[in-house]
Amino acid sequence: MAAPKAQAPVSLTERRKAQTQLDIAHSAARLFAEHGAAAVTAEDVANAAGIGLRTFYRYFRTKEDAVAPLLTAGIDDWIADLAATEPGVPVAEALENSARRALVASGPDGYRALELGRDLLRAVPGDPGLESVWFRVVNDTEEKLVATLGDLMGPAADPVDVRLAAVAGNTAMRLAIQTWAGSDDDGTAPQPADIAVRCIRTLTAGLVSPEPR
């Protein structure tokens, strides 16, 4: 197995920028979840985040774009976890394990993050701006998965199988979150991790498993 590529250190300025974007994203998501995106302005988001409107537009082109960092943060953590899979683990099992870890809240902060993501996705249907952001995030996630799964499955893997595995993982996670977001809050709905695992098993049933890397 090739040694993992060393990543360039992230500067303090970049870390601060990323944290500011995430803070704005949390403020936007809460407002959209409570009032609907149509009733919220970019100025409302800026005020809630404690910044000026000019600062807001330095980071985001539209109010809807502001939620993208919240959506991608969890996805990037999931893909990083998937990339750390031990050699020799079948791709379907790797996807299942990483999905469970990503969708089972760890502590109060993790549960609040899942709840906020769920509440935000409830505001997406019917709102063109939010739908555009969500679809872009979903598409970008598939491309990230192709790169990660290509490394996991090794150079001998058929590119079609790599793409199919990426589509399966991406679709499973999307369906899990969207189904959970659309369910009642009475505690009877399946948990998102269980939905994701069910989808992964169904969607990868015919996938050719390459030799362990």
N, C-alpha and C. Protein backbone atom coordinates (compact mmCIF):
# COMPACT_ATOMS: atom_id res chain seq x y z
N MET A 1 0.85 -1.20 0.00
CA MET A 1 0.00 0.00 0.00
C MET A 1 0.88 1.24 0.00
N ALA A 2 0.57 2.19 -0.84
CA ALA A 2 1.35 3.41 -0.90
C ALA A 2 1.16 4.23 0.36
N ALA A 3 2.20 4.94 0.76
CA ALA A 3 2.10 5.78 1.94
C ALA A 3 1.13 6.92 1.66
N PRO A 4 0.34 7.33 2.67
CA PRO A 4 -0.60 8.41 2.46
C PRO A 4 0.12 9.71 2.14
N LYS A 5 -0.48 10.49 1.30
CA LYS A 5 0.11 11.76 0.91
C LYS A 5 0.07 12.73 2.09
N ALA A 6 1.20 13.40 2.33
CA ALA A 6 1.25 14.39 3.39
C ALA A 6 0.47 15.63 2.97
N GLN A 7 -0.34 16.14 3.90
CA GLN A 7 -1.13 17.32 3.60
C GLN A 7 -0.42 18.55 4.13
N ALA A 8 -0.50 19.62 3.36
CA ALA A 8 0.12 20.87 3.80
C ALA A 8 -0.58 21.38 5.05
N PRO A 9 0.18 21.90 6.02
CA PRO A 9 -0.46 22.42 7.23
C PRO A 9 -1.38 23.58 6.91
N VAL A 10 -2.46 23.66 7.65
CA VAL A 10 -3.43 24.74 7.45
C VAL A 10 -3.01 25.93 8.31
N SER A 11 -2.94 27.09 7.69
CA SER A 11 -2.50 28.28 8.41
C SER A 11 -3.56 28.75 9.40
N LEU A 12 -3.13 29.55 10.37
CA LEU A 12 -4.05 30.10 11.36
C LEU A 12 -5.13 30.94 10.67
N THR A 13 -4.74 31.69 9.64
CA THR A 13 -5.71 32.53 8.92
C THR A 13 -6.77 31.66 8.25
N GLU A 14 -6.34 30.55 7.64
CA GLU A 14 -7.30 29.66 6.98
C GLU A 14 -8.23 29.00 8.00
N ARG A 15 -7.67 28.63 9.16
CA ARG A 15 -8.51 28.02 10.20
C ARG A 15 -9.55 29.00 10.71
N ARG A 16 -9.13 30.23 10.89
CA ARG A 16 -10.08 31.26 11.36
C ARG A 16 -11.16 31.52 10.32
N LYS A 17 -10.76 31.56 9.06
CA LYS A 17 -11.73 31.76 7.98
C LYS A 17 -12.74 30.63 7.96
N ALA A 18 -12.25 29.39 8.07
CA ALA A 18 -13.14 28.23 8.06
C ALA A 18 -14.09 28.25 9.24
N GLN A 19 -13.60 28.65 10.42
CA GLN A 19 -14.45 28.71 11.60
C GLN A 19 -15.51 29.80 11.46
N THR A 20 -15.12 30.94 10.89
CA THR A 20 -16.10 32.01 10.66
C THR A 20 -17.18 31.55 9.70
N GLN A 21 -16.79 30.88 8.63
CA GLN A 21 -17.78 30.36 7.68
C GLN A 21 -18.73 29.38 8.35
N LEU A 22 -18.19 28.52 9.21
CA LEU A 22 -19.03 27.54 9.89
C LEU A 22 -19.97 28.22 10.88
N ASP A 23 -19.49 29.25 11.56
CA ASP A 23 -20.35 30.00 12.49
C ASP A 23 -21.51 30.65 11.73
N ILE A 24 -21.20 31.24 10.59
CA ILE A 24 -22.25 31.85 9.76
C ILE A 24 -23.23 30.78 9.30
N ALA A 25 -22.70 29.64 8.90
CA ALA A 25 -23.55 28.54 8.42
C ALA A 25 -24.52 28.08 9.51
N HIS A 26 -24.06 27.97 10.74
CA HIS A 26 -24.94 27.57 11.84
C HIS A 26 -26.04 28.60 12.05
N SER A 27 -25.68 29.88 11.99
CA SER A 27 -26.69 30.94 12.15
C SER A 27 -27.72 30.89 11.04
N ALA A 28 -27.26 30.71 9.79
CA ALA A 28 -28.17 30.64 8.66
C ALA A 28 -29.09 29.43 8.78
N ALA A 29 -28.52 28.29 9.14
CA ALA A 29 -29.33 27.07 9.24
C ALA A 29 -30.42 27.21 10.29
N ARG A 30 -30.09 27.79 11.42
CA ARG A 30 -31.10 27.97 12.48
C ARG A 30 -32.23 28.87 12.00
N LEU A 31 -31.87 29.97 11.34
CA LEU A 31 -32.89 30.90 10.85
C LEU A 31 -33.75 30.24 9.78
N PHE A 32 -33.14 29.54 8.85
CA PHE A 32 -33.90 28.88 7.79
C PHE A 32 -34.82 27.81 8.37
N ALA A 33 -34.33 27.08 9.35
CA ALA A 33 -35.13 26.02 9.97
C ALA A 33 -36.33 26.60 10.72
N GLU A 34 -36.12 27.74 11.36
CA GLU A 34 -37.19 28.34 12.17
C GLU A 34 -38.21 29.11 11.34
N HIS A 35 -37.72 29.80 10.29
CA HIS A 35 -38.61 30.73 9.58
C HIS A 35 -38.80 30.40 8.10
N GLY A 36 -38.00 29.50 7.55
CA GLY A 36 -38.01 29.27 6.11
C GLY A 36 -37.06 30.24 5.43
N ALA A 37 -36.35 29.78 4.42
CA ALA A 37 -35.33 30.62 3.78
C ALA A 37 -35.94 31.86 3.15
N ALA A 38 -37.15 31.76 2.62
CA ALA A 38 -37.77 32.89 1.93
C ALA A 38 -37.99 34.08 2.86
N ALA A 39 -38.18 33.81 4.15
CA ALA A 39 -38.46 34.88 5.11
C ALA A 39 -37.21 35.46 5.74
N VAL A 40 -36.05 34.94 5.36
CA VAL A 40 -34.79 35.35 5.96
C VAL A 40 -33.94 36.08 4.93
N THR A 41 -33.31 37.17 5.33
CA THR A 41 -32.43 37.91 4.43
C THR A 41 -30.97 37.65 4.81
N ALA A 42 -30.08 38.03 3.90
CA ALA A 42 -28.65 37.92 4.20
C ALA A 42 -28.29 38.79 5.40
N GLU A 43 -28.94 39.91 5.53
CA GLU A 43 -28.69 40.79 6.68
C GLU A 43 -29.12 40.12 7.98
N ASP A 44 -30.24 39.38 7.93
CA ASP A 44 -30.67 38.63 9.12
C ASP A 44 -29.60 37.63 9.54
N VAL A 45 -29.05 36.94 8.56
CA VAL A 45 -28.01 35.95 8.84
C VAL A 45 -26.78 36.63 9.42
N ALA A 46 -26.37 37.74 8.80
CA ALA A 46 -25.20 38.47 9.28
C ALA A 46 -25.40 38.94 10.72
N ASN A 47 -26.57 39.47 11.01
CA ASN A 47 -26.85 39.94 12.37
C ASN A 47 -26.81 38.80 13.37
N ALA A 48 -27.40 37.66 12.98
CA ALA A 48 -27.41 36.51 13.88
C ALA A 48 -26.00 35.99 14.14
N ALA A 49 -25.13 36.14 13.14
CA ALA A 49 -23.75 35.67 13.28
C ALA A 49 -22.84 36.70 13.92
N GLY A 50 -23.37 37.89 14.15
CA GLY A 50 -22.59 38.93 14.79
C GLY A 50 -21.55 39.57 13.88
N ILE A 51 -21.86 39.64 12.59
CA ILE A 51 -20.95 40.26 11.63
C ILE A 51 -21.71 41.29 10.80
N GLY A 52 -20.99 42.11 10.06
CA GLY A 52 -21.61 43.06 9.17
C GLY A 52 -22.01 42.42 7.85
N LEU A 53 -22.92 43.06 7.13
CA LEU A 53 -23.38 42.51 5.86
C LEU A 53 -22.24 42.44 4.85
N ARG A 54 -21.37 43.45 4.86
CA ARG A 54 -20.24 43.44 3.93
C ARG A 54 -19.33 42.24 4.21
N THR A 55 -19.14 41.93 5.48
CA THR A 55 -18.33 40.75 5.83
C THR A 55 -19.00 39.48 5.35
N PHE A 56 -20.32 39.41 5.51
CA PHE A 56 -21.05 38.23 5.04
C PHE A 56 -20.77 37.98 3.56
N TYR A 57 -20.85 39.03 2.75
CA TYR A 57 -20.66 38.86 1.31
C TYR A 57 -19.20 38.62 0.93
N ARG A 58 -18.28 38.82 1.84
CA ARG A 58 -16.90 38.42 1.56
C ARG A 58 -16.78 36.90 1.59
N TYR A 59 -17.66 36.27 2.32
CA TYR A 59 -17.60 34.81 2.48
C TYR A 59 -18.58 34.07 1.56
N PHE A 60 -19.75 34.65 1.32
CA PHE A 60 -20.79 33.94 0.59
C PHE A 60 -21.45 34.84 -0.43
N ARG A 61 -21.80 34.24 -1.56
CA ARG A 61 -22.44 35.00 -2.64
C ARG A 61 -23.92 35.24 -2.35
N THR A 62 -24.59 34.23 -1.75
CA THR A 62 -26.02 34.35 -1.44
C THR A 62 -26.27 33.84 -0.02
N LYS A 63 -27.45 34.13 0.50
CA LYS A 63 -27.79 33.65 1.84
C LYS A 63 -27.86 32.13 1.86
N GLU A 64 -28.32 31.53 0.76
CA GLU A 64 -28.43 30.07 0.70
C GLU A 64 -27.05 29.39 0.71
N ASP A 65 -26.08 30.03 0.03
CA ASP A 65 -24.73 29.46 0.00
C ASP A 65 -24.14 29.35 1.40
N ALA A 66 -24.65 30.15 2.32
CA ALA A 66 -24.08 30.18 3.66
C ALA A 66 -24.22 28.86 4.41
N VAL A 67 -25.16 28.01 4.02
CA VAL A 67 -25.34 26.75 4.75
C VAL A 67 -24.40 25.65 4.25
N ALA A 68 -23.74 25.86 3.12
CA ALA A 68 -22.90 24.81 2.54
C ALA A 68 -21.82 24.31 3.51
N PRO A 69 -21.12 25.18 4.26
CA PRO A 69 -20.10 24.65 5.18
C PRO A 69 -20.66 23.72 6.24
N LEU A 70 -21.88 23.95 6.68
CA LEU A 70 -22.50 23.06 7.66
C LEU A 70 -22.73 21.68 7.06
N LEU A 71 -23.20 21.64 5.82
CA LEU A 71 -23.46 20.38 5.15
C LEU A 71 -22.17 19.63 4.83
N THR A 72 -21.16 20.35 4.36
CA THR A 72 -19.93 19.70 3.93
C THR A 72 -19.04 19.30 5.11
N ALA A 73 -19.16 19.95 6.26
CA ALA A 73 -18.30 19.62 7.40
C ALA A 73 -18.51 18.17 7.82
N GLY A 74 -19.77 17.78 7.98
CA GLY A 74 -20.05 16.40 8.36
C GLY A 74 -19.65 15.41 7.28
N ILE A 75 -19.86 15.80 6.03
CA ILE A 75 -19.49 14.92 4.91
C ILE A 75 -17.98 14.72 4.85
N ASP A 76 -17.23 15.80 5.04
CA ASP A 76 -15.77 15.68 4.99
C ASP A 76 -15.25 14.81 6.14
N ASP A 77 -15.87 14.93 7.31
CA ASP A 77 -15.47 14.08 8.43
C ASP A 77 -15.75 12.61 8.11
N TRP A 78 -16.91 12.34 7.50
CA TRP A 78 -17.27 10.97 7.12
C TRP A 78 -16.28 10.40 6.12
N ILE A 79 -15.94 11.18 5.09
CA ILE A 79 -15.02 10.68 4.07
C ILE A 79 -13.62 10.49 4.63
N ALA A 80 -13.20 11.36 5.54
CA ALA A 80 -11.89 11.18 6.18
C ALA A 80 -11.87 9.90 7.00
N ASP A 81 -12.97 9.61 7.68
CA ASP A 81 -13.08 8.36 8.45
C ASP A 81 -13.03 7.16 7.51
N LEU A 82 -13.74 7.25 6.39
CA LEU A 82 -13.74 6.17 5.40
C LEU A 82 -12.34 5.95 4.85
N ALA A 83 -11.62 7.02 4.59
CA ALA A 83 -10.27 6.92 4.03
C ALA A 83 -9.30 6.22 4.97
N ALA A 84 -9.62 6.24 6.28
CA ALA A 84 -8.74 5.62 7.27
C ALA A 84 -9.04 4.13 7.47
N THR A 85 -9.88 3.55 6.63
CA THR A 85 -10.22 2.13 6.73
C THR A 85 -8.97 1.26 6.64
N GLU A 86 -8.93 0.24 7.48
CA GLU A 86 -7.79 -0.68 7.47
C GLU A 86 -7.73 -1.44 6.14
N PRO A 87 -6.54 -1.75 5.66
CA PRO A 87 -6.40 -2.51 4.41
C PRO A 87 -7.10 -3.86 4.50
N GLY A 88 -7.71 -4.26 3.38
CA GLY A 88 -8.34 -5.57 3.31
C GLY A 88 -9.81 -5.60 3.66
N VAL A 89 -10.36 -4.52 4.18
CA VAL A 89 -11.79 -4.48 4.52
C VAL A 89 -12.59 -4.32 3.23
N PRO A 90 -13.58 -5.18 2.97
CA PRO A 90 -14.41 -5.04 1.76
C PRO A 90 -15.07 -3.67 1.71
N VAL A 91 -15.24 -3.16 0.50
CA VAL A 91 -15.72 -1.79 0.36
C VAL A 91 -17.12 -1.60 0.96
N ALA A 92 -18.01 -2.58 0.80
CA ALA A 92 -19.35 -2.44 1.37
C ALA A 92 -19.29 -2.36 2.90
N GLU A 93 -18.44 -3.18 3.49
CA GLU A 93 -18.28 -3.14 4.95
C GLU A 93 -17.67 -1.82 5.41
N ALA A 94 -16.70 -1.32 4.64
CA ALA A 94 -16.09 -0.03 4.97
C ALA A 94 -17.12 1.09 4.94
N LEU A 95 -17.99 1.07 3.91
CA LEU A 95 -19.04 2.08 3.80
C LEU A 95 -20.02 1.99 4.97
N GLU A 96 -20.41 0.75 5.32
CA GLU A 96 -21.33 0.56 6.45
C GLU A 96 -20.74 1.10 7.74
N ASN A 97 -19.52 0.71 8.02
CA ASN A 97 -18.88 1.11 9.28
C ASN A 97 -18.75 2.62 9.39
N SER A 98 -18.32 3.25 8.30
CA SER A 98 -18.13 4.70 8.34
C SER A 98 -19.47 5.42 8.42
N ALA A 99 -20.50 4.87 7.77
CA ALA A 99 -21.84 5.48 7.84
C ALA A 99 -22.37 5.44 9.26
N ARG A 100 -22.20 4.32 9.93
CA ARG A 100 -22.67 4.21 11.32
C ARG A 100 -21.96 5.23 12.21
N ARG A 101 -20.66 5.32 12.06
CA ARG A 101 -19.92 6.27 12.90
C ARG A 101 -20.33 7.71 12.60
N ALA A 102 -20.59 8.00 11.33
CA ALA A 102 -20.95 9.37 10.95
C ALA A 102 -22.34 9.76 11.41
N LEU A 103 -23.26 8.79 11.47
CA LEU A 103 -24.66 9.11 11.73
C LEU A 103 -25.13 8.76 13.13
N VAL A 104 -24.24 8.29 13.97
CA VAL A 104 -24.59 8.07 15.37
C VAL A 104 -23.94 9.19 16.17
N ALA A 105 -24.77 10.00 16.82
CA ALA A 105 -24.26 11.18 17.53
C ALA A 105 -23.35 10.75 18.66
N SER A 106 -22.25 11.48 18.81
CA SER A 106 -21.32 11.25 19.90
C SER A 106 -21.37 12.44 20.84
N GLY A 107 -22.12 12.28 21.93
CA GLY A 107 -22.23 13.36 22.91
C GLY A 107 -23.24 14.41 22.50
N PRO A 108 -23.51 15.35 23.40
CA PRO A 108 -24.52 16.39 23.15
C PRO A 108 -24.23 17.24 21.91
N ASP A 109 -22.96 17.59 21.70
CA ASP A 109 -22.62 18.43 20.54
C ASP A 109 -22.91 17.70 19.24
N GLY A 110 -22.59 16.41 19.20
CA GLY A 110 -22.85 15.63 18.00
C GLY A 110 -24.33 15.51 17.72
N TYR A 111 -25.12 15.31 18.77
CA TYR A 111 -26.56 15.18 18.57
C TYR A 111 -27.16 16.51 18.10
N ARG A 112 -26.69 17.62 18.68
CA ARG A 112 -27.20 18.92 18.25
C ARG A 112 -26.85 19.18 16.80
N ALA A 113 -25.66 18.76 16.37
CA ALA A 113 -25.27 18.95 14.97
C ALA A 113 -26.16 18.15 14.04
N LEU A 114 -26.47 16.90 14.41
CA LEU A 114 -27.38 16.09 13.60
C LEU A 114 -28.76 16.71 13.54
N GLU A 115 -29.25 17.18 14.68
CA GLU A 115 -30.58 17.79 14.72
C GLU A 115 -30.63 19.04 13.86
N LEU A 116 -29.59 19.86 13.92
CA LEU A 116 -29.58 21.08 13.11
C LEU A 116 -29.55 20.74 11.64
N GLY A 117 -28.77 19.73 11.26
CA GLY A 117 -28.75 19.29 9.86
C GLY A 117 -30.11 18.79 9.41
N ARG A 118 -30.78 18.03 10.29
CA ARG A 118 -32.11 17.53 9.97
C ARG A 118 -33.10 18.69 9.80
N ASP A 119 -33.07 19.64 10.73
CA ASP A 119 -34.00 20.77 10.65
C ASP A 119 -33.75 21.61 9.41
N LEU A 120 -32.48 21.76 9.03
CA LEU A 120 -32.17 22.50 7.82
C LEU A 120 -32.72 21.80 6.59
N LEU A 121 -32.54 20.47 6.51
CA LEU A 121 -33.02 19.74 5.33
C LEU A 121 -34.53 19.76 5.22
N ARG A 122 -35.22 19.96 6.32
CA ARG A 122 -36.67 20.10 6.26
C ARG A 122 -37.08 21.39 5.56
N ALA A 123 -36.17 22.36 5.52
CA ALA A 123 -36.47 23.63 4.85
C ALA A 123 -36.09 23.62 3.38
N VAL A 124 -35.39 22.56 2.94
CA VAL A 124 -34.89 22.53 1.55
C VAL A 124 -35.99 22.33 0.51
N PRO A 125 -36.88 21.31 0.66
CA PRO A 125 -37.86 21.06 -0.41
C PRO A 125 -38.70 22.28 -0.74
N GLY A 126 -38.76 22.60 -2.02
CA GLY A 126 -39.58 23.73 -2.46
C GLY A 126 -38.85 25.05 -2.47
N ASP A 127 -37.64 25.10 -1.95
CA ASP A 127 -36.86 26.34 -1.98
C ASP A 127 -35.75 26.20 -3.01
N PRO A 128 -35.85 26.88 -4.15
CA PRO A 128 -34.88 26.68 -5.24
C PRO A 128 -33.44 26.96 -4.82
N GLY A 129 -33.23 27.99 -4.02
CA GLY A 129 -31.87 28.34 -3.61
C GLY A 129 -31.24 27.26 -2.76
N LEU A 130 -31.97 26.77 -1.77
CA LEU A 130 -31.45 25.71 -0.91
C LEU A 130 -31.32 24.39 -1.66
N GLU A 131 -32.26 24.12 -2.55
CA GLU A 131 -32.17 22.89 -3.35
C GLU A 131 -30.91 22.90 -4.21
N SER A 132 -30.57 24.06 -4.77
CA SER A 132 -29.39 24.18 -5.61
C SER A 132 -28.12 23.89 -4.79
N VAL A 133 -28.07 24.44 -3.58
CA VAL A 133 -26.91 24.20 -2.71
C VAL A 133 -26.82 22.73 -2.34
N TRP A 134 -27.95 22.13 -1.99
CA TRP A 134 -27.98 20.72 -1.58
C TRP A 134 -27.54 19.81 -2.73
N PHE A 135 -28.05 20.05 -3.93
CA PHE A 135 -27.68 19.21 -5.07
C PHE A 135 -26.19 19.37 -5.40
N ARG A 136 -25.67 20.58 -5.25
CA ARG A 136 -24.24 20.79 -5.50
C ARG A 136 -23.39 20.02 -4.49
N VAL A 137 -23.82 20.06 -3.23
CA VAL A 137 -23.09 19.33 -2.19
C VAL A 137 -23.12 17.83 -2.47
N VAL A 138 -24.29 17.32 -2.87
CA VAL A 138 -24.43 15.89 -3.18
C VAL A 138 -23.51 15.50 -4.33
N ASN A 139 -23.47 16.31 -5.38
CA ASN A 139 -22.62 16.02 -6.53
C ASN A 139 -21.14 16.05 -6.15
N ASP A 140 -20.75 17.06 -5.38
CA ASP A 140 -19.35 17.17 -4.95
C ASP A 140 -18.96 15.97 -4.07
N THR A 141 -19.90 15.51 -3.25
CA THR A 141 -19.63 14.37 -2.38
C THR A 141 -19.31 13.12 -3.20
N GLU A 142 -20.05 12.91 -4.28
CA GLU A 142 -19.79 11.73 -5.11
C GLU A 142 -18.37 11.76 -5.66
N GLU A 143 -17.92 12.93 -6.10
CA GLU A 143 -16.57 13.02 -6.66
C GLU A 143 -15.52 12.77 -5.58
N LYS A 144 -15.75 13.26 -4.37
CA LYS A 144 -14.82 13.00 -3.27
C LYS A 144 -14.79 11.50 -2.95
N LEU A 145 -15.95 10.86 -3.00
CA LEU A 145 -16.01 9.43 -2.72
C LEU A 145 -15.30 8.62 -3.80
N VAL A 146 -15.41 9.02 -5.03
CA VAL A 146 -14.71 8.32 -6.11
C VAL A 146 -13.21 8.33 -5.84
N ALA A 147 -12.67 9.47 -5.46
CA ALA A 147 -11.24 9.56 -5.18
C ALA A 147 -10.85 8.69 -3.99
N THR A 148 -11.65 8.77 -2.92
CA THR A 148 -11.33 8.01 -1.70
C THR A 148 -11.47 6.51 -1.92
N LEU A 149 -12.57 6.10 -2.54
CA LEU A 149 -12.79 4.67 -2.78
C LEU A 149 -11.82 4.12 -3.81
N GLY A 150 -11.39 4.93 -4.74
CA GLY A 150 -10.38 4.49 -5.69
C GLY A 150 -9.10 4.10 -4.98
N ASP A 151 -8.72 4.89 -3.96
CA ASP A 151 -7.54 4.56 -3.17
C ASP A 151 -7.77 3.29 -2.35
N LEU A 152 -8.96 3.16 -1.77
CA LEU A 152 -9.26 2.00 -0.94
C LEU A 152 -9.32 0.70 -1.74
N MET A 153 -9.91 0.77 -2.91
CA MET A 153 -10.13 -0.42 -3.72
C MET A 153 -8.89 -0.81 -4.54
N GLY A 154 -7.98 0.13 -4.70
CA GLY A 154 -6.71 -0.18 -5.34
C GLY A 154 -6.72 0.00 -6.84
N PRO A 155 -5.54 0.02 -7.46
CA PRO A 155 -5.42 0.29 -8.90
C PRO A 155 -6.03 -0.79 -9.78
N ALA A 156 -6.23 -2.00 -9.24
CA ALA A 156 -6.79 -3.08 -10.05
C ALA A 156 -8.31 -3.00 -10.16
N ALA A 157 -8.93 -2.15 -9.36
CA ALA A 157 -10.39 -2.05 -9.36
C ALA A 157 -10.90 -1.44 -10.66
N ASP A 158 -11.99 -1.98 -11.15
CA ASP A 158 -12.65 -1.44 -12.34
C ASP A 158 -13.20 -0.05 -11.99
N PRO A 159 -12.88 0.98 -12.79
CA PRO A 159 -13.39 2.32 -12.51
C PRO A 159 -14.92 2.37 -12.39
N VAL A 160 -15.60 1.48 -13.12
CA VAL A 160 -17.06 1.44 -13.02
C VAL A 160 -17.47 0.97 -11.62
N ASP A 161 -16.76 -0.03 -11.08
CA ASP A 161 -17.07 -0.50 -9.73
C ASP A 161 -16.77 0.58 -8.69
N VAL A 162 -15.71 1.33 -8.90
CA VAL A 162 -15.39 2.43 -7.98
C VAL A 162 -16.51 3.46 -8.00
N ARG A 163 -16.95 3.82 -9.21
CA ARG A 163 -18.04 4.79 -9.33
C ARG A 163 -19.32 4.26 -8.72
N LEU A 164 -19.62 2.98 -8.96
CA LEU A 164 -20.83 2.39 -8.39
C LEU A 164 -20.80 2.40 -6.86
N ALA A 165 -19.63 2.10 -6.29
CA ALA A 165 -19.50 2.14 -4.84
C ALA A 165 -19.70 3.55 -4.31
N ALA A 166 -19.18 4.54 -5.04
CA ALA A 166 -19.35 5.94 -4.63
C ALA A 166 -20.82 6.36 -4.70
N VAL A 167 -21.48 5.96 -5.77
CA VAL A 167 -22.91 6.27 -5.92
C VAL A 167 -23.70 5.61 -4.80
N ALA A 168 -23.35 4.35 -4.48
CA ALA A 168 -24.06 3.63 -3.43
C ALA A 168 -23.90 4.33 -2.08
N GLY A 169 -22.67 4.68 -1.73
CA GLY A 169 -22.43 5.34 -0.46
C GLY A 169 -23.09 6.70 -0.38
N ASN A 170 -22.96 7.47 -1.45
CA ASN A 170 -23.55 8.81 -1.49
C ASN A 170 -25.07 8.76 -1.41
N THR A 171 -25.66 7.86 -2.20
CA THR A 171 -27.12 7.74 -2.21
C THR A 171 -27.64 7.26 -0.86
N ALA A 172 -26.94 6.30 -0.26
CA ALA A 172 -27.37 5.77 1.02
C ALA A 172 -27.38 6.86 2.09
N MET A 173 -26.34 7.65 2.14
CA MET A 173 -26.27 8.71 3.15
C MET A 173 -27.32 9.79 2.88
N ARG A 174 -27.51 10.12 1.60
CA ARG A 174 -28.51 11.13 1.26
C ARG A 174 -29.91 10.66 1.64
N LEU A 175 -30.24 9.43 1.28
CA LEU A 175 -31.56 8.89 1.61
C LEU A 175 -31.77 8.80 3.12
N ALA A 176 -30.72 8.42 3.83
CA ALA A 176 -30.83 8.29 5.28
C ALA A 176 -31.18 9.63 5.93
N ILE A 177 -30.45 10.67 5.55
CA ILE A 177 -30.68 11.99 6.15
C ILE A 177 -32.02 12.56 5.70
N GLN A 178 -32.34 12.43 4.40
CA GLN A 178 -33.59 12.98 3.91
C GLN A 178 -34.79 12.25 4.50
N THR A 179 -34.70 10.92 4.63
CA THR A 179 -35.80 10.16 5.22
C THR A 179 -35.98 10.54 6.68
N TRP A 180 -34.88 10.65 7.39
CA TRP A 180 -34.94 11.05 8.81
C TRP A 180 -35.51 12.46 8.94
N ALA A 181 -35.09 13.36 8.05
CA ALA A 181 -35.58 14.73 8.10
C ALA A 181 -37.09 14.81 7.86
N GLY A 182 -37.59 13.90 7.01
CA GLY A 182 -39.02 13.92 6.69
C GLY A 182 -39.89 13.14 7.65
N SER A 183 -39.29 12.51 8.66
CA SER A 183 -40.06 11.68 9.59
C SER A 183 -40.59 12.50 10.76
N ASP A 184 -41.57 11.94 11.47
CA ASP A 184 -42.11 12.59 12.65
C ASP A 184 -41.11 12.52 13.80
N ASP A 185 -41.28 13.42 14.76
CA ASP A 185 -40.38 13.46 15.91
C ASP A 185 -40.92 12.66 17.10
N ASP A 186 -41.64 11.57 16.82
CA ASP A 186 -42.24 10.81 17.90
C ASP A 186 -41.38 9.63 18.35
N GLY A 187 -40.18 9.52 17.78
CA GLY A 187 -39.26 8.47 18.20
C GLY A 187 -39.49 7.12 17.55
N THR A 188 -40.47 7.01 16.64
CA THR A 188 -40.77 5.71 16.02
C THR A 188 -40.04 5.51 14.70
N ALA A 189 -39.52 6.57 14.12
CA ALA A 189 -38.86 6.46 12.82
C ALA A 189 -37.50 5.77 12.96
N PRO A 190 -37.08 5.01 11.94
CA PRO A 190 -35.75 4.39 11.97
C PRO A 190 -34.66 5.45 12.11
N GLN A 191 -33.59 5.11 12.77
CA GLN A 191 -32.47 6.04 12.91
C GLN A 191 -31.72 6.14 11.59
N PRO A 192 -31.11 7.31 11.32
CA PRO A 192 -30.45 7.50 10.02
C PRO A 192 -29.35 6.47 9.75
N ALA A 193 -28.62 6.06 10.78
CA ALA A 193 -27.56 5.07 10.57
C ALA A 193 -28.14 3.75 10.08
N ASP A 194 -29.27 3.34 10.64
CA ASP A 194 -29.90 2.08 10.22
C ASP A 194 -30.40 2.17 8.78
N ILE A 195 -30.94 3.32 8.42
CA ILE A 195 -31.41 3.52 7.04
C ILE A 195 -30.23 3.46 6.08
N ALA A 196 -29.12 4.13 6.44
CA ALA A 196 -27.95 4.15 5.58
C ALA A 196 -27.39 2.75 5.35
N VAL A 197 -27.29 1.97 6.42
CA VAL A 197 -26.75 0.61 6.30
C VAL A 197 -27.64 -0.25 5.42
N ARG A 198 -28.95 -0.13 5.61
CA ARG A 198 -29.89 -0.89 4.77
C ARG A 198 -29.69 -0.53 3.30
N CYS A 199 -29.56 0.75 3.00
CA CYS A 199 -29.38 1.19 1.61
C CYS A 199 -28.05 0.71 1.05
N ILE A 200 -26.98 0.80 1.84
CA ILE A 200 -25.67 0.36 1.37
C ILE A 200 -25.70 -1.12 1.02
N ARG A 201 -26.32 -1.94 1.88
CA ARG A 201 -26.38 -3.38 1.61
C ARG A 201 -27.16 -3.68 0.35
N THR A 202 -28.23 -2.93 0.13
CA THR A 202 -29.04 -3.15 -1.08
C THR A 202 -28.30 -2.69 -2.32
N LEU A 203 -27.69 -1.51 -2.25
CA LEU A 203 -27.08 -0.91 -3.43
C LEU A 203 -25.75 -1.53 -3.81
N THR A 204 -25.09 -2.21 -2.87
CA THR A 204 -23.80 -2.83 -3.18
C THR A 204 -23.92 -4.35 -3.36
N ALA A 205 -25.15 -4.87 -3.38
CA ALA A 205 -25.34 -6.32 -3.44
C ALA A 205 -24.67 -6.95 -4.65
N GLY A 206 -24.65 -6.26 -5.77
CA GLY A 206 -24.06 -6.84 -6.97
C GLY A 206 -22.68 -6.30 -7.30
N LEU A 207 -22.10 -5.59 -6.34
CA LEU A 207 -20.81 -4.95 -6.60
C LEU A 207 -19.68 -5.99 -6.53
N VAL A 208 -18.79 -5.94 -7.49
CA VAL A 208 -17.64 -6.85 -7.49
C VAL A 208 -16.63 -6.35 -6.47
N SER A 209 -16.25 -7.23 -5.52
CA SER A 209 -15.27 -6.86 -4.51
C SER A 209 -13.87 -7.19 -5.03
N PRO A 210 -13.03 -6.19 -5.15
CA PRO A 210 -11.67 -6.45 -5.63
C PRO A 210 -10.85 -7.15 -4.55
N GLU A 211 -9.69 -7.64 -4.95
CA GLU A 211 -8.78 -8.22 -3.97
C GLU A 211 -8.37 -7.13 -2.98
N PRO A 212 -8.15 -7.51 -1.71
CA PRO A 212 -7.72 -6.49 -0.74
C PRO A 212 -6.49 -5.77 -1.22
N ARG A 213 -6.43 -4.49 -0.97
CA ARG A 213 -5.30 -3.70 -1.44
C ARG A 213 -4.03 -4.08 -0.70
